Amino acid sequence: MALTFRPATPADAPAIAPLVYRSGPAAFDHAFARGGRSAVDFLRWTLAREAGEFGYRLHWVGEQDGRIVATGTAFSGEANLRNSLAALGQIVGFYGFGAAAVIRRGLQLERIIQPPPRRHLLPRPPWRGRGPHRPGHRPAADRPPAAPGPP
């Protein structure tokens, strides 16, 4: 019954793609819903691959009773160039000749929407509002730093 976290694997892509999509459905649809393919289709495809911010390597999954109930990621801005190049390759790989339109829309979004910090934790609906972001929870910035854990 305990919630545990582990690194994502390619096999997790079908379960975590809809959770990642929920972090910004309108933006994902605007950029990635093209040519009869949905944004979730694109996310399933990229999350089954290792590279980039949409790759499984940067994601973690939360499991409870053997079921994926959350996913999350966090990475440094130092990875932006590497992640951008990976995203370019993934967009071309998934959309082929339609990639130019997807890239254009993505760049338009980047100009309109200030990107949030590159992290998210996205639980399934029954688990929302039960964790550290629930109302009344004291934000980490207001707490003393935790003791360092094992290396």
C-alpha atoms as a PDB file:
ATOM      1  CA  MET A   1       0.000   0.000   0.000  1.00  0.00           C
ATOM      2  CA  ALA A   2       3.040   2.304   0.297  1.00  0.00           C
ATOM      3  CA  LEU A   3       3.789   4.703  -2.531  1.00  0.00           C
ATOM      4  CA  THR A   4       7.228   3.996  -3.970  1.00  0.00           C
ATOM      5  CA  PHE A   5       9.207   5.746  -6.681  1.00  0.00           C
ATOM      6  CA  ARG A   6      11.529   4.214  -9.232  1.00  0.00           C
ATOM      7  CA  PRO A   7      13.168   5.297 -12.488  1.00  0.00           C
ATOM      8  CA  ALA A   8      10.859   5.041 -15.500  1.00  0.00           C
ATOM      9  CA  THR A   9      11.482   2.437 -18.184  1.00  0.00           C
ATOM     10  CA  PRO A  10      10.370   2.295 -21.829  1.00  0.00           C
ATOM     11  CA  ALA A  11       7.577  -0.092 -20.814  1.00  0.00           C
ATOM     12  CA  ASP A  12       6.067   2.677 -18.635  1.00  0.00           C
ATOM     13  CA  ALA A  13       5.429   5.006 -21.601  1.00  0.00           C
ATOM     14  CA  PRO A  14       1.761   4.025 -22.176  1.00  0.00           C
ATOM     15  CA  ALA A  15       0.910   4.632 -18.511  1.00  0.00           C
ATOM     16  CA  ILE A  16       2.827   7.869 -17.973  1.00  0.00           C
ATOM     17  CA  ALA A  17       2.124   9.649 -21.284  1.00  0.00           C
ATOM     18  CA  PRO A  18      -1.423  10.679 -20.242  1.00  0.00           C
ATOM     19  CA  LEU A  19      -0.070  11.934 -16.906  1.00  0.00           C
ATOM     20  CA  VAL A  20       2.592  14.091 -18.583  1.00  0.00           C
ATOM     21  CA  TYR A  21      -0.054  15.361 -21.013  1.00  0.00           C
ATOM     22  CA  ARG A  22      -2.163  16.577 -18.045  1.00  0.00           C
ATOM     23  CA  SER A  23       0.618  19.029 -17.151  1.00  0.00           C
ATOM     24  CA  GLY A  24      -0.462  21.219 -20.091  1.00  0.00           C
ATOM     25  CA  PRO A  25      -3.075  19.691 -22.406  1.00  0.00           C
ATOM     26  CA  ALA A  26      -3.798  22.842 -24.410  1.00  0.00           C
ATOM     27  CA  ALA A  27      -0.117  23.519 -25.044  1.00  0.00           C
ATOM     28  CA  PHE A  28       0.595  19.876 -25.898  1.00  0.00           C
ATOM     29  CA  ASP A  29      -2.366  19.777 -28.282  1.00  0.00           C
ATOM     30  CA  HIS A  30      -1.385  23.040 -29.964  1.00  0.00           C
ATOM     31  CA  ALA A  31       2.165  21.876 -30.630  1.00  0.00           C
ATOM     32  CA  PHE A  32       1.851  18.123 -31.102  1.00  0.00           C
ATOM     33  CA  ALA A  33      -1.660  17.224 -32.330  1.00  0.00           C
ATOM     34  CA  ARG A  34      -0.969  17.075 -36.075  1.00  0.00           C
ATOM     35  CA  GLY A  35      -1.831  14.910 -39.034  1.00  0.00           C
ATOM     36  CA  GLY A  36      -4.334  12.709 -37.228  1.00  0.00           C
ATOM     37  CA  ARG A  37      -1.920  12.040 -34.362  1.00  0.00           C
ATOM     38  CA  SER A  38      -2.602  13.210 -30.836  1.00  0.00           C
ATOM     39  CA  ALA A  39      -0.186  14.823 -28.411  1.00  0.00           C
ATOM     40  CA  VAL A  40      -0.510  11.707 -26.233  1.00  0.00           C
ATOM     41  CA  ASP A  41       0.573   9.576 -29.223  1.00  0.00           C
ATOM     42  CA  PHE A  42       3.710  11.697 -29.478  1.00  0.00           C
ATOM     43  CA  LEU A  43       4.352  11.448 -25.727  1.00  0.00           C
ATOM     44  CA  ARG A  44       3.916   7.667 -25.736  1.00  0.00           C
ATOM     45  CA  TRP A  45       6.468   7.473 -28.540  1.00  0.00           C
ATOM     46  CA  THR A  46       9.027   9.814 -26.942  1.00  0.00           C
ATOM     47  CA  LEU A  47       8.640   8.418 -23.414  1.00  0.00           C
ATOM     48  CA  ALA A  48       9.584   4.993 -24.760  1.00  0.00           C
ATOM     49  CA  ARG A  49      12.922   6.481 -25.840  1.00  0.00           C
ATOM     50  CA  GLU A  50      15.848   7.388 -23.645  1.00  0.00           C
ATOM     51  CA  ALA A  51      16.869  10.896 -24.728  1.00  0.00           C
ATOM     52  CA  GLY A  52      15.491  14.331 -23.964  1.00  0.00           C
ATOM     53  CA  GLU A  53      13.064  15.909 -21.564  1.00  0.00           C
ATOM     54  CA  PHE A  54      10.306  13.648 -22.890  1.00  0.00           C
ATOM     55  CA  GLY A  55      12.491  10.550 -22.630  1.00  0.00           C
ATOM     56  CA  TYR A  56      11.995   7.910 -19.979  1.00  0.00           C
ATOM     57  CA  ARG A  57      15.516   8.404 -18.593  1.00  0.00           C
ATOM     58  CA  LEU A  58      14.580  11.731 -16.957  1.00  0.00           C
ATOM     59  CA  HIS A  59      11.277  10.463 -15.539  1.00  0.00           C
ATOM     60  CA  TRP A  60      10.363   8.665 -12.345  1.00  0.00           C
ATOM     61  CA  VAL A  61       7.174   6.774 -11.669  1.00  0.00           C
ATOM     62  CA  GLY A  62       5.250   6.468  -8.440  1.00  0.00           C
ATOM     63  CA  GLU A  63       3.709   3.061  -7.863  1.00  0.00           C
ATOM     64  CA  GLN A  64       1.176   1.858  -5.365  1.00  0.00           C
ATOM     65  CA  ASP A  65       0.126  -1.765  -5.219  1.00  0.00           C
ATOM     66  CA  GLY A  66       2.012  -2.403  -8.472  1.00  0.00           C
ATOM     67  CA  ARG A  67       0.101   0.293 -10.377  1.00  0.00           C
ATOM     68  CA  ILE A  68       1.640   3.500 -11.730  1.00  0.00           C
ATOM     69  CA  VAL A  69      -0.160   6.373 -10.016  1.00  0.00           C
ATOM     70  CA  ALA A  70       2.222   9.298 -10.694  1.00  0.00           C
ATOM     71  CA  THR A  71       5.141  10.418 -12.789  1.00  0.00           C
ATOM     72  CA  GLY A  72       7.621  13.221 -12.413  1.00  0.00           C
ATOM     73  CA  THR A  73      10.823  14.720 -13.715  1.00  0.00           C
ATOM     74  CA  ALA A  74      13.372  17.347 -12.778  1.00  0.00           C
ATOM     75  CA  PHE A  75      16.527  18.383 -14.552  1.00  0.00           C
ATOM     76  CA  SER A  76      19.044  21.168 -14.695  1.00  0.00           C
ATOM     77  CA  GLY A  77      19.039  23.975 -17.212  1.00  0.00           C
ATOM     78  CA  GLU A  78      22.482  22.715 -18.186  1.00  0.00           C
ATOM     79  CA  ALA A  79      20.669  19.975 -20.109  1.00  0.00           C
ATOM     80  CA  ASN A  80      18.598  22.387 -22.239  1.00  0.00           C
ATOM     81  CA  LEU A  81      20.734  22.199 -25.386  1.00  0.00           C
ATOM     82  CA  ARG A  82      21.016  18.419 -25.219  1.00  0.00           C
ATOM     83  CA  ASN A  83      17.275  18.095 -24.547  1.00  0.00           C
ATOM     84  CA  SER A  84      16.410  20.515 -27.363  1.00  0.00           C
ATOM     85  CA  LEU A  85      18.497  18.539 -29.841  1.00  0.00           C
ATOM     86  CA  ALA A  86      16.877  15.298 -28.655  1.00  0.00           C
ATOM     87  CA  ALA A  87      13.405  16.872 -29.031  1.00  0.00           C
ATOM     88  CA  LEU A  88      14.265  17.986 -32.557  1.00  0.00           C
ATOM     89  CA  GLY A  89      15.261  14.435 -33.465  1.00  0.00           C
ATOM     90  CA  GLN A  90      12.144  13.008 -31.820  1.00  0.00           C
ATOM     91  CA  ILE A  91       9.835  15.431 -33.628  1.00  0.00           C
ATOM     92  CA  VAL A  92      11.425  14.655 -36.995  1.00  0.00           C
ATOM     93  CA  GLY A  93      11.357  10.929 -36.198  1.00  0.00           C
ATOM     94  CA  PHE A  94       7.683  10.949 -35.233  1.00  0.00           C
ATOM     95  CA  TYR A  95       6.206  13.476 -37.686  1.00  0.00           C
ATOM     96  CA  GLY A  96       8.520  13.095 -40.688  1.00  0.00           C
ATOM     97  CA  PHE A  97       7.735  15.797 -43.247  1.00  0.00           C
ATOM     98  CA  GLY A  98       5.174  17.322 -40.879  1.00  0.00           C
ATOM     99  CA  ALA A  99       7.909  18.127 -38.350  1.00  0.00           C
ATOM    100  CA  ALA A 100       8.400  21.705 -39.554  1.00  0.00           C
ATOM    101  CA  ALA A 101       4.849  22.681 -38.557  1.00  0.00           C
ATOM    102  CA  VAL A 102       5.257  21.056 -35.152  1.00  0.00           C
ATOM    103  CA  ILE A 103       8.570  22.829 -34.557  1.00  0.00           C
ATOM    104  CA  ARG A 104       7.067  26.169 -35.616  1.00  0.00           C
ATOM    105  CA  ARG A 105       4.127  25.761 -33.241  1.00  0.00           C
ATOM    106  CA  GLY A 106       6.424  24.691 -30.415  1.00  0.00           C
ATOM    107  CA  LEU A 107       8.621  27.750 -30.901  1.00  0.00           C
ATOM    108  CA  GLN A 108       5.534  29.979 -30.957  1.00  0.00           C
ATOM    109  CA  LEU A 109       4.437  28.500 -27.639  1.00  0.00           C
ATOM    110  CA  GLU A 110       7.864  29.074 -26.110  1.00  0.00           C
ATOM    111  CA  ARG A 111       7.514  32.779 -26.945  1.00  0.00           C
ATOM    112  CA  ILE A 112       3.992  33.053 -25.500  1.00  0.00           C
ATOM    113  CA  ILE A 113       4.210  30.794 -22.463  1.00  0.00           C
ATOM    114  CA  GLN A 114       7.050  31.288 -20.040  1.00  0.00           C
ATOM    115  CA  PRO A 115       8.238  27.753 -19.384  1.00  0.00           C
ATOM    116  CA  PRO A 116       7.838  26.662 -15.770  1.00  0.00           C
ATOM    117  CA  PRO A 117      10.764  25.140 -13.944  1.00  0.00           C
ATOM    118  CA  ARG A 118      11.597  21.902 -15.702  1.00  0.00           C
ATOM    119  CA  ARG A 119       9.922  19.580 -13.252  1.00  0.00           C
ATOM    120  CA  HIS A 120       6.535  18.090 -12.624  1.00  0.00           C
ATOM    121  CA  LEU A 121       4.882  15.494 -10.458  1.00  0.00           C
ATOM    122  CA  LEU A 122       1.623  14.265 -11.903  1.00  0.00           C
ATOM    123  CA  PRO A 123      -0.592  11.855  -9.963  1.00  0.00           C
ATOM    124  CA  ARG A 124      -3.668  10.082 -11.275  1.00  0.00           C
ATOM    125  CA  PRO A 125      -6.986  11.690 -10.142  1.00  0.00           C
ATOM    126  CA  PRO A 126      -7.677   9.509  -7.068  1.00  0.00           C
ATOM    127  CA  TRP A 127      -4.280  10.472  -5.635  1.00  0.00           C
ATOM    128  CA  ARG A 128      -4.497  14.219  -6.344  1.00  0.00           C
ATOM    129  CA  GLY A 129      -4.719  16.525  -3.339  1.00  0.00           C
ATOM    130  CA  ARG A 130      -3.215  13.949  -0.972  1.00  0.00           C
ATOM    131  CA  GLY A 131       0.470  14.820  -1.211  1.00  0.00           C
ATOM    132  CA  PRO A 132       2.781  17.725  -0.522  1.00  0.00           C
ATOM    133  CA  HIS A 133       0.827  20.115  -2.772  1.00  0.00           C
ATOM    134  CA  ARG A 134      -2.439  19.687  -0.868  1.00  0.00           C
ATOM    135  CA  PRO A 135      -4.014  22.791   0.680  1.00  0.00           C
ATOM    136  CA  GLY A 136      -2.404  23.773   3.946  1.00  0.00           C
ATOM    137  CA  HIS A 137       0.864  21.968   3.299  1.00  0.00           C
ATOM    138  CA  ARG A 138       3.938  23.947   4.262  1.00  0.00           C
ATOM    139  CA  PRO A 139       6.083  24.534   1.145  1.00  0.00           C
ATOM    140  CA  ALA A 140       9.612  23.169   1.177  1.00  0.00           C
ATOM    141  CA  ALA A 141      10.979  26.719   0.875  1.00  0.00           C
ATOM    142  CA  ASP A 142       9.493  27.485   4.308  1.00  0.00           C
ATOM    143  CA  ARG A 143      10.987  24.434   6.017  1.00  0.00           C
ATOM    144  CA  PRO A 144      14.526  23.981   7.260  1.00  0.00           C
ATOM    145  CA  PRO A 145      16.715  21.982   4.861  1.00  0.00           C
ATOM    146  CA  ALA A 146      16.608  18.214   5.260  1.00  0.00           C
ATOM    147  CA  ALA A 147      19.659  16.323   6.370  1.00  0.00           C
ATOM    148  CA  PRO A 148      21.561  14.857   3.451  1.00  0.00           C
ATOM    149  CA  GLY A 149      20.660  11.276   2.648  1.00  0.00           C
ATOM    150  CA  PRO A 150      22.919   8.426   1.652  1.00  0.00           C
ATOM    151  CA  PRO A 151      24.956   8.962  -1.524  1.00  0.00           C
END
